[in-house]
Amino acid sequence: MWQRLVAEHRAQVSEVTVSRYVARRRAELGLAPREVAIPQTHPAGAEAEVDFGEFYAFLGGENLKCWMFVMRLSNSGRAFHVAFGTQAQEAFLEGHVLAFEHFGGVPARVRYDNLKPAVVRVLKGRDRAESERFIALRSHYLLTPSSAVPASTVRTRRAVWKVRSAGSADATWFRSPRVGSLAELNEVLAAGDVLDDGRVITGRSVTVGAAFAAEAAAPMALPQETFDPARHLQARVDNRARVSVRQCFYSVPARYAGRRLAVRLAARTVEIHDGPTLVARHERAVGRYVEVLTLDHYLEVLKTKPGGLPGATALAQAKSRGAFSASRPTASATSGGTDPSR
C-alpha cells in the first residue's frame, strides 16, 4: 500500500506512518479486534510461570550466546533465575529441579509457552505432544503443566525481553553482562533474586519477600528422591585421551584411550564413568569444538614424552586457571576437571 501511494500519488509519507494508520483503521472497523486479557487471582502455591530464552553475555571476555531459565510464583511474584550455556533439554529440566529446591516446594500447576524442550509437537488449541523426559519430570513432581495458546510475534518478543532482562534490578544491565564465567553470572543472578525480594508489586502493600514468606508453606513438598535431569550417553576415548560430547572435547586419564566410557551429561557439568567409578568431572563447555583438558590426565604420557609438555594445550589451560606454576610442575584438582581415581 505504501509503495502504491508513493508510486501512483507521489505521497511524501513514511512506511511506518502508513502501517500505523492501517492498523488503527482496521481496529476501528472491527477487522483486527484487540486482544483482551482477563484479570486472574492466584491462590498461594497454585501456579508458577516458566520462560526459557536466549541472551548474550561476555564470559571471560568472549561474547557468547546463553540461555536463561526463569520460574516465577504467580501468587507472591517470587522468581528464580539460572543461566545455562546450552538450550538442550537437560538445561530446561535442570532449571525445574533447581527452582523447586530454591522455593522449597512444587506449585500445583506450571504455565508454559511453546517451548521445544517441553513439547515434541504443538497440536490444536492448547493440546501438546510432550517429550518423554518432560513427562518423567512432571510425573516425578506430580505437577500439572498448562500450555498457552500459540503467542503472536509481539507477545513472543515481549516474553523474550522479559527473560533477557531478568535477574537484575536494572534491566539495562542485562543487555550485555560482563563476567568471568557462567558460574559467576549465576552468582549475580542469585543476588538479583535476593534484591528483588524487596520490591513491591504495583497494587500490593507488601514486598515480594513478605508475600513469599506467606506462600512458602502452600506448595507441595519436594519428593524424597531427587530427579536426575542429566542425559546418559556412551562415548569412546580417542587417541588424545578425550571424549567427544555435543561437539566439545573433555579429557580423561590417558590410560582409558580406546575405551568406551559412560557419560553423564548435565546442563553445567560433564561426568565420565568407568562402571561405578567416576574418572573425570568437568564444567560443561559453552560453544562448539571447545577442548576442556586437565593436565593431570596426561602425566602418564608425559613421563615418556616430556618434550610434549611445553606446548601442551592442557598446560596452557592449567596456567590460565592458575592451577600451574613453575614451582609446581603438576596440576592439582581444579574446577576445570579432576581424576577422582588418583
Protein backbone atom coordinates (compact mmCIF):
# COMPACT_ATOMS: atom_id res chain seq x y z
CA MET A 1 0.00 0.00 0.00
CA TRP A 2 2.80 2.41 0.91
CA GLN A 3 4.60 1.61 -2.34
CA ARG A 4 1.46 2.37 -4.38
CA LEU A 5 0.90 5.65 -2.54
CA VAL A 6 4.42 6.75 -3.35
CA ALA A 7 4.47 5.45 -6.94
CA GLU A 8 0.94 6.44 -8.04
CA HIS A 9 0.24 9.52 -5.92
CA ARG A 10 3.77 10.66 -5.09
CA ALA A 11 2.84 10.76 -1.41
CA GLN A 12 5.56 12.04 0.90
CA VAL A 13 4.91 9.77 3.85
CA SER A 14 6.96 7.14 5.65
CA GLU A 15 6.14 3.46 5.54
CA VAL A 16 5.68 3.26 9.31
CA THR A 17 3.11 6.09 9.24
CA VAL A 18 1.03 4.19 6.68
CA SER A 19 1.39 0.98 8.68
CA ARG A 20 0.19 2.65 11.88
CA TYR A 21 -2.76 4.25 10.09
CA VAL A 22 -3.84 0.96 8.53
CA ALA A 23 -3.59 -0.81 11.88
CA ARG A 24 -5.70 1.89 13.56
CA ARG A 25 -8.36 1.81 10.84
CA ARG A 26 -8.54 -1.99 10.91
CA ALA A 27 -9.20 -1.83 14.65
CA GLU A 28 -11.87 0.87 14.20
CA LEU A 29 -13.63 -1.23 11.54
CA GLY A 30 -13.51 -4.35 13.71
CA LEU A 31 -11.24 -6.18 11.28
CA ALA A 32 -8.48 -6.62 13.86
CA PRO A 33 -10.04 -6.94 17.33
CA ARG A 34 -7.69 -6.14 20.18
CA GLU A 35 -6.68 -8.99 22.44
CA VAL A 36 -8.16 -8.59 25.92
CA ALA A 37 -6.57 -10.18 28.99
CA ILE A 38 -8.74 -11.50 31.81
CA PRO A 39 -7.58 -10.49 35.33
CA GLN A 40 -6.53 -13.51 37.37
CA THR A 41 -6.34 -14.35 41.06
CA HIS A 42 -3.71 -16.93 42.01
CA PRO A 43 -4.04 -18.81 45.31
CA ALA A 44 -0.84 -19.46 47.25
CA GLY A 45 1.17 -22.36 45.82
CA ALA A 46 -1.30 -22.91 43.00
CA GLU A 47 0.70 -21.78 39.99
CA ALA A 48 4.06 -20.76 38.58
CA GLU A 49 5.15 -19.45 35.19
CA VAL A 50 8.20 -20.60 33.23
CA ASP A 51 10.16 -18.83 30.50
CA PHE A 52 13.29 -20.08 28.74
CA GLY A 53 15.02 -17.70 26.35
CA GLU A 54 18.37 -16.70 24.91
CA PHE A 55 20.64 -13.76 25.63
CA TYR A 56 24.26 -12.81 25.07
CA ALA A 57 26.87 -12.39 27.78
CA PHE A 58 30.59 -11.68 27.88
CA LEU A 59 32.13 -14.70 29.61
CA GLY A 60 35.85 -14.37 30.11
CA GLY A 61 35.95 -11.56 27.56
CA GLU A 62 34.14 -13.54 24.83
CA ASN A 63 30.61 -12.66 23.72
CA LEU A 64 28.65 -15.93 23.90
CA LYS A 65 25.02 -16.95 23.50
CA CYS A 66 23.50 -18.26 26.72
CA TRP A 67 20.03 -19.30 27.83
CA MET A 68 18.07 -18.16 30.88
CA PHE A 69 15.57 -20.33 32.77
CA VAL A 70 13.05 -18.31 34.78
CA MET A 71 10.35 -19.62 37.11
CA ARG A 72 8.10 -17.15 38.91
CA LEU A 73 5.43 -17.95 41.51
CA SER A 74 2.18 -16.33 40.38
CA ASN A 75 0.91 -15.58 43.89
CA SER A 76 3.87 -13.88 45.54
CA GLY A 77 5.87 -12.91 42.47
CA ARG A 78 9.00 -14.60 43.86
CA ALA A 79 11.32 -15.57 40.99
CA PHE A 80 14.24 -17.88 40.36
CA HIS A 81 16.74 -17.34 37.55
CA VAL A 82 19.59 -19.53 36.33
CA ALA A 83 21.73 -19.22 33.20
CA PHE A 84 22.97 -22.10 31.08
CA GLY A 85 25.42 -22.40 28.22
CA THR A 86 23.01 -24.61 26.28
CA GLN A 87 19.33 -24.73 25.38
CA ALA A 88 19.30 -28.54 25.39
CA GLN A 89 16.59 -30.44 27.20
CA GLU A 90 18.84 -31.23 30.17
CA ALA A 91 19.16 -27.48 30.87
CA PHE A 92 15.39 -26.99 30.76
CA LEU A 93 14.83 -29.92 33.14
CA GLU A 94 17.66 -28.92 35.49
CA GLY A 95 16.14 -25.46 35.71
CA HIS A 96 12.99 -27.03 37.17
CA VAL A 97 14.93 -29.08 39.70
CA LEU A 98 16.93 -26.06 40.88
CA ALA A 99 13.83 -23.85 41.01
CA PHE A 100 11.83 -26.31 43.11
CA GLU A 101 14.77 -26.64 45.51
CA HIS A 102 15.01 -22.84 45.68
CA PHE A 103 11.31 -22.48 46.53
CA GLY A 104 11.33 -25.47 48.86
CA GLY A 105 8.28 -26.96 47.19
CA VAL A 106 6.40 -27.62 43.95
CA PRO A 107 3.48 -25.49 42.71
CA ALA A 108 0.39 -27.42 41.68
CA ARG A 109 0.43 -26.08 38.13
CA VAL A 110 3.11 -24.62 35.88
CA ARG A 111 2.30 -22.49 32.83
CA TYR A 112 4.46 -22.83 29.72
CA ASP A 113 4.75 -21.25 26.32
CA ASN A 114 5.51 -23.42 23.30
CA LEU A 115 8.95 -24.46 24.49
CA LYS A 116 10.80 -27.00 22.38
CA PRO A 117 12.36 -28.90 25.33
CA ALA A 118 8.89 -29.48 26.82
CA VAL A 119 6.91 -30.47 23.73
CA VAL A 120 7.56 -32.50 20.63
CA ARG A 121 4.71 -31.03 18.62
CA VAL A 122 2.10 -28.29 19.07
CA LEU A 123 -1.36 -29.70 18.42
CA LYS A 124 -4.71 -27.96 18.06
CA GLY A 125 -5.54 -25.29 20.66
CA ARG A 126 -3.79 -25.96 23.95
CA ASP A 127 -3.01 -29.61 23.28
CA ARG A 128 0.67 -30.58 23.16
CA ALA A 129 2.65 -33.74 22.43
CA GLU A 130 5.09 -33.76 25.35
CA SER A 131 8.61 -35.15 25.26
CA GLU A 132 9.34 -38.34 27.21
CA ARG A 133 11.81 -36.66 29.58
CA PHE A 134 9.36 -33.88 30.36
CA ILE A 135 6.65 -36.44 31.12
CA ALA A 136 9.11 -38.11 33.52
CA LEU A 137 9.76 -34.76 35.22
CA ARG A 138 6.12 -33.84 35.77
CA SER A 139 5.31 -37.38 36.90
CA HIS A 140 8.13 -37.23 39.45
CA TYR A 141 6.95 -33.90 40.90
CA LEU A 142 3.23 -34.53 40.32
CA LEU A 143 2.81 -31.14 38.69
CA THR A 144 0.19 -30.22 36.11
CA PRO A 145 1.54 -28.38 33.04
CA SER A 146 -0.55 -25.71 31.34
CA SER A 147 0.33 -24.55 27.82
CA ALA A 148 -0.56 -21.17 26.41
CA VAL A 149 -2.24 -20.68 23.06
CA PRO A 150 0.48 -20.01 20.43
CA ALA A 151 1.54 -16.43 21.00
CA SER A 152 1.68 -13.63 18.49
CA THR A 153 5.02 -12.28 17.37
CA VAL A 154 4.67 -9.22 19.60
CA ARG A 155 3.87 -11.28 22.69
CA THR A 156 6.75 -13.65 21.95
CA ARG A 157 9.24 -10.81 21.62
CA ARG A 158 7.97 -9.30 24.86
CA ALA A 159 8.43 -12.64 26.67
CA VAL A 160 11.98 -12.99 25.31
CA TRP A 161 12.83 -9.48 26.52
CA LYS A 162 11.44 -10.37 29.96
CA VAL A 163 13.84 -13.32 30.08
CA ARG A 164 16.74 -11.24 28.84
CA SER A 165 16.22 -8.51 31.43
CA ALA A 166 15.53 -10.87 34.35
CA GLY A 167 17.63 -11.16 37.45
CA SER A 168 18.70 -7.57 37.81
CA ALA A 169 17.14 -4.51 39.42
CA ASP A 170 18.36 -2.52 36.42
CA ALA A 171 17.02 -4.16 33.25
CA THR A 172 19.50 -2.27 31.07
CA TRP A 173 22.44 -4.00 32.84
CA PHE A 174 21.44 -7.39 31.47
CA ARG A 175 21.75 -6.36 27.88
CA SER A 176 25.49 -7.09 27.96
CA PRO A 177 26.67 -8.60 31.27
CA ARG A 178 30.44 -8.98 31.61
CA VAL A 179 31.61 -11.70 33.98
CA GLY A 180 34.45 -14.17 34.19
CA SER A 181 32.40 -17.36 33.90
CA LEU A 182 28.92 -18.81 33.80
CA ALA A 183 29.18 -19.65 37.50
CA GLU A 184 29.93 -16.00 38.27
CA LEU A 185 26.96 -14.93 36.16
CA ASN A 186 24.67 -17.21 38.17
CA GLU A 187 26.00 -15.68 41.39
CA VAL A 188 24.98 -12.27 40.06
CA LEU A 189 21.53 -13.59 39.14
CA ALA A 190 21.10 -15.10 42.61
CA ALA A 191 21.99 -11.74 44.14
CA GLY A 192 19.42 -10.13 41.85
CA ASP A 193 16.74 -12.53 43.10
CA VAL A 194 17.55 -11.56 46.69
CA LEU A 195 17.40 -7.88 45.76
CA ASP A 196 14.03 -8.42 44.07
CA ASP A 197 12.56 -9.65 47.37
CA GLY A 198 12.45 -6.02 48.47
CA ARG A 199 10.33 -4.94 45.52
CA VAL A 200 6.65 -4.08 45.99
CA ILE A 201 4.44 -5.12 43.07
CA THR A 202 2.07 -2.38 41.92
CA GLY A 203 -1.24 -2.63 43.73
CA ARG A 204 0.12 -4.61 46.69
CA SER A 205 1.03 -3.49 50.17
CA VAL A 206 3.80 -5.98 50.98
CA THR A 207 7.13 -6.83 49.39
CA VAL A 208 7.74 -9.88 47.21
CA GLY A 209 9.77 -11.42 50.04
CA ALA A 210 6.98 -10.95 52.58
CA ALA A 211 4.42 -12.41 50.17
CA PHE A 212 6.67 -15.41 49.55
CA ALA A 213 7.06 -16.00 53.30
CA ALA A 214 3.28 -16.33 53.49
CA GLU A 215 3.15 -18.55 50.41
CA ALA A 216 6.10 -20.79 51.31
CA ALA A 217 4.02 -23.35 53.21
CA ALA A 218 1.46 -23.74 50.41
CA PRO A 219 3.36 -25.56 47.59
CA MET A 220 3.54 -29.35 47.61
CA ALA A 221 6.53 -30.79 49.45
CA LEU A 222 9.54 -31.93 47.46
CA PRO A 223 9.78 -35.67 46.74
CA GLN A 224 12.26 -37.59 48.87
CA GLU A 225 14.16 -38.75 45.78
CA THR A 226 15.86 -36.19 43.57
CA PHE A 227 15.02 -36.15 39.87
CA ASP A 228 18.07 -36.61 37.64
CA PRO A 229 17.78 -34.18 34.71
CA ALA A 230 21.02 -35.34 33.06
CA ARG A 231 21.31 -37.27 29.84
CA HIS A 232 23.25 -40.57 29.97
CA LEU A 233 25.44 -41.39 26.98
CA GLN A 234 28.30 -43.62 25.85
CA ALA A 235 31.48 -42.20 24.29
CA ARG A 236 34.76 -43.67 23.05
CA VAL A 237 38.04 -42.14 24.26
CA ASP A 238 40.18 -41.01 21.31
CA ASN A 239 43.96 -41.16 20.94
CA ARG A 240 44.25 -37.77 22.64
CA ALA A 241 42.56 -39.06 25.81
CA ARG A 242 39.36 -37.13 25.10
CA VAL A 243 35.70 -37.97 24.76
CA SER A 244 33.55 -36.02 22.31
CA VAL A 245 30.23 -34.87 23.76
CA ARG A 246 27.93 -32.48 21.87
CA GLN A 247 30.78 -31.26 19.63
CA CYS A 248 33.08 -30.48 22.57
CA PHE A 249 36.01 -32.49 23.93
CA TYR A 250 36.71 -33.47 27.54
CA SER A 251 39.86 -35.17 28.82
CA VAL A 252 40.10 -38.40 30.82
CA PRO A 253 43.20 -40.16 32.22
CA ALA A 254 45.36 -41.33 29.30
CA ARG A 255 45.12 -45.00 30.34
CA TYR A 256 41.50 -45.01 29.13
CA ALA A 257 42.44 -44.28 25.49
CA GLY A 258 40.46 -46.53 23.17
CA ARG A 259 37.94 -47.47 25.88
CA ARG A 260 34.21 -46.81 25.74
CA LEU A 261 33.00 -44.96 28.85
CA ALA A 262 29.69 -43.82 30.25
CA VAL A 263 28.98 -40.09 30.22
CA ARG A 264 26.54 -38.22 32.46
CA LEU A 265 25.76 -35.00 30.59
CA ALA A 266 24.17 -32.37 32.81
CA ALA A 267 23.44 -28.76 31.93
CA ARG A 268 26.51 -27.44 33.77
CA THR A 269 28.77 -30.45 34.25
CA VAL A 270 30.08 -33.48 32.35
CA GLU A 271 30.95 -36.62 34.31
CA ILE A 272 32.76 -39.61 32.77
CA HIS A 273 32.42 -43.01 34.46
CA ASP A 274 34.13 -46.37 34.12
CA GLY A 275 31.39 -48.56 35.53
CA PRO A 276 30.67 -47.22 39.04
CA THR A 277 33.97 -45.28 39.15
CA LEU A 278 33.98 -41.56 38.40
CA VAL A 279 37.15 -40.98 36.36
CA ALA A 280 36.70 -37.31 35.36
CA ARG A 281 34.42 -34.37 36.01
CA HIS A 282 34.42 -31.11 34.03
CA GLU A 283 32.42 -27.94 33.75
CA ARG A 284 30.35 -28.16 30.57
CA ALA A 285 31.86 -26.10 27.77
CA VAL A 286 30.00 -23.16 26.25
CA GLY A 287 30.11 -23.22 22.46
CA ARG A 288 31.29 -25.82 19.95
CA TYR A 289 34.62 -27.53 19.32
CA VAL A 290 35.88 -26.43 22.73
CA GLU A 291 38.52 -28.55 24.48
CA VAL A 292 38.33 -28.89 28.27
CA LEU A 293 41.53 -30.60 29.39
CA THR A 294 43.12 -31.42 32.74
CA LEU A 295 46.92 -31.66 32.90
CA ASP A 296 46.85 -34.48 35.46
CA HIS A 297 45.20 -36.72 32.88
CA TYR A 298 48.34 -36.63 30.71
CA LEU A 299 51.02 -37.24 33.36
CA GLU A 300 51.40 -40.92 32.43
CA VAL A 301 52.17 -39.95 28.81
CA LEU A 302 54.43 -37.03 29.76
CA LYS A 303 56.70 -39.42 31.67
CA THR A 304 57.69 -41.00 28.36
CA LYS A 305 57.17 -37.90 26.18
CA PRO A 306 58.47 -34.96 28.25
CA GLY A 307 59.04 -32.91 25.11
CA GLY A 308 55.28 -32.58 24.69
CA LEU A 309 54.84 -30.57 27.89
CA PRO A 310 55.87 -27.03 26.80
CA GLY A 311 53.26 -26.82 24.03
CA ALA A 312 50.56 -28.92 25.67
CA THR A 313 47.06 -27.45 25.47
CA ALA A 314 46.30 -28.92 28.90
CA LEU A 315 49.27 -26.96 30.30
CA ALA A 316 48.06 -23.71 28.73
CA GLN A 317 44.60 -24.23 30.20
CA ALA A 318 46.07 -25.06 33.63
CA LYS A 319 48.08 -21.82 33.53
CA SER A 320 45.03 -19.79 32.53
CA ARG A 321 43.15 -21.23 35.53
CA GLY A 322 46.06 -20.52 37.86
CA ALA A 323 46.50 -24.24 38.54
CA PHE A 324 50.11 -24.43 37.34
CA SER A 325 53.26 -22.53 38.20
CA ALA A 326 56.98 -23.05 37.64
CA SER A 327 57.40 -24.10 41.26
CA ARG A 328 54.59 -26.66 40.97
CA PRO A 329 55.02 -28.82 37.87
CA THR A 330 51.79 -30.78 38.26
CA ALA A 331 48.22 -29.60 38.29
CA SER A 332 46.13 -30.32 41.33
CA ALA A 333 42.39 -30.93 41.41
CA THR A 334 40.69 -27.88 39.94
CA SER A 335 37.19 -26.88 39.00
CA GLY A 336 38.04 -27.49 35.36
CA GLY A 337 38.23 -31.26 35.87
CA THR A 338 39.62 -33.91 38.18
CA ASP A 339 40.63 -37.52 38.14
CA PRO A 340 38.89 -38.86 41.28
CA SER A 341 40.66 -42.20 40.94
CA ARG A 342 44.12 -40.69 41.53
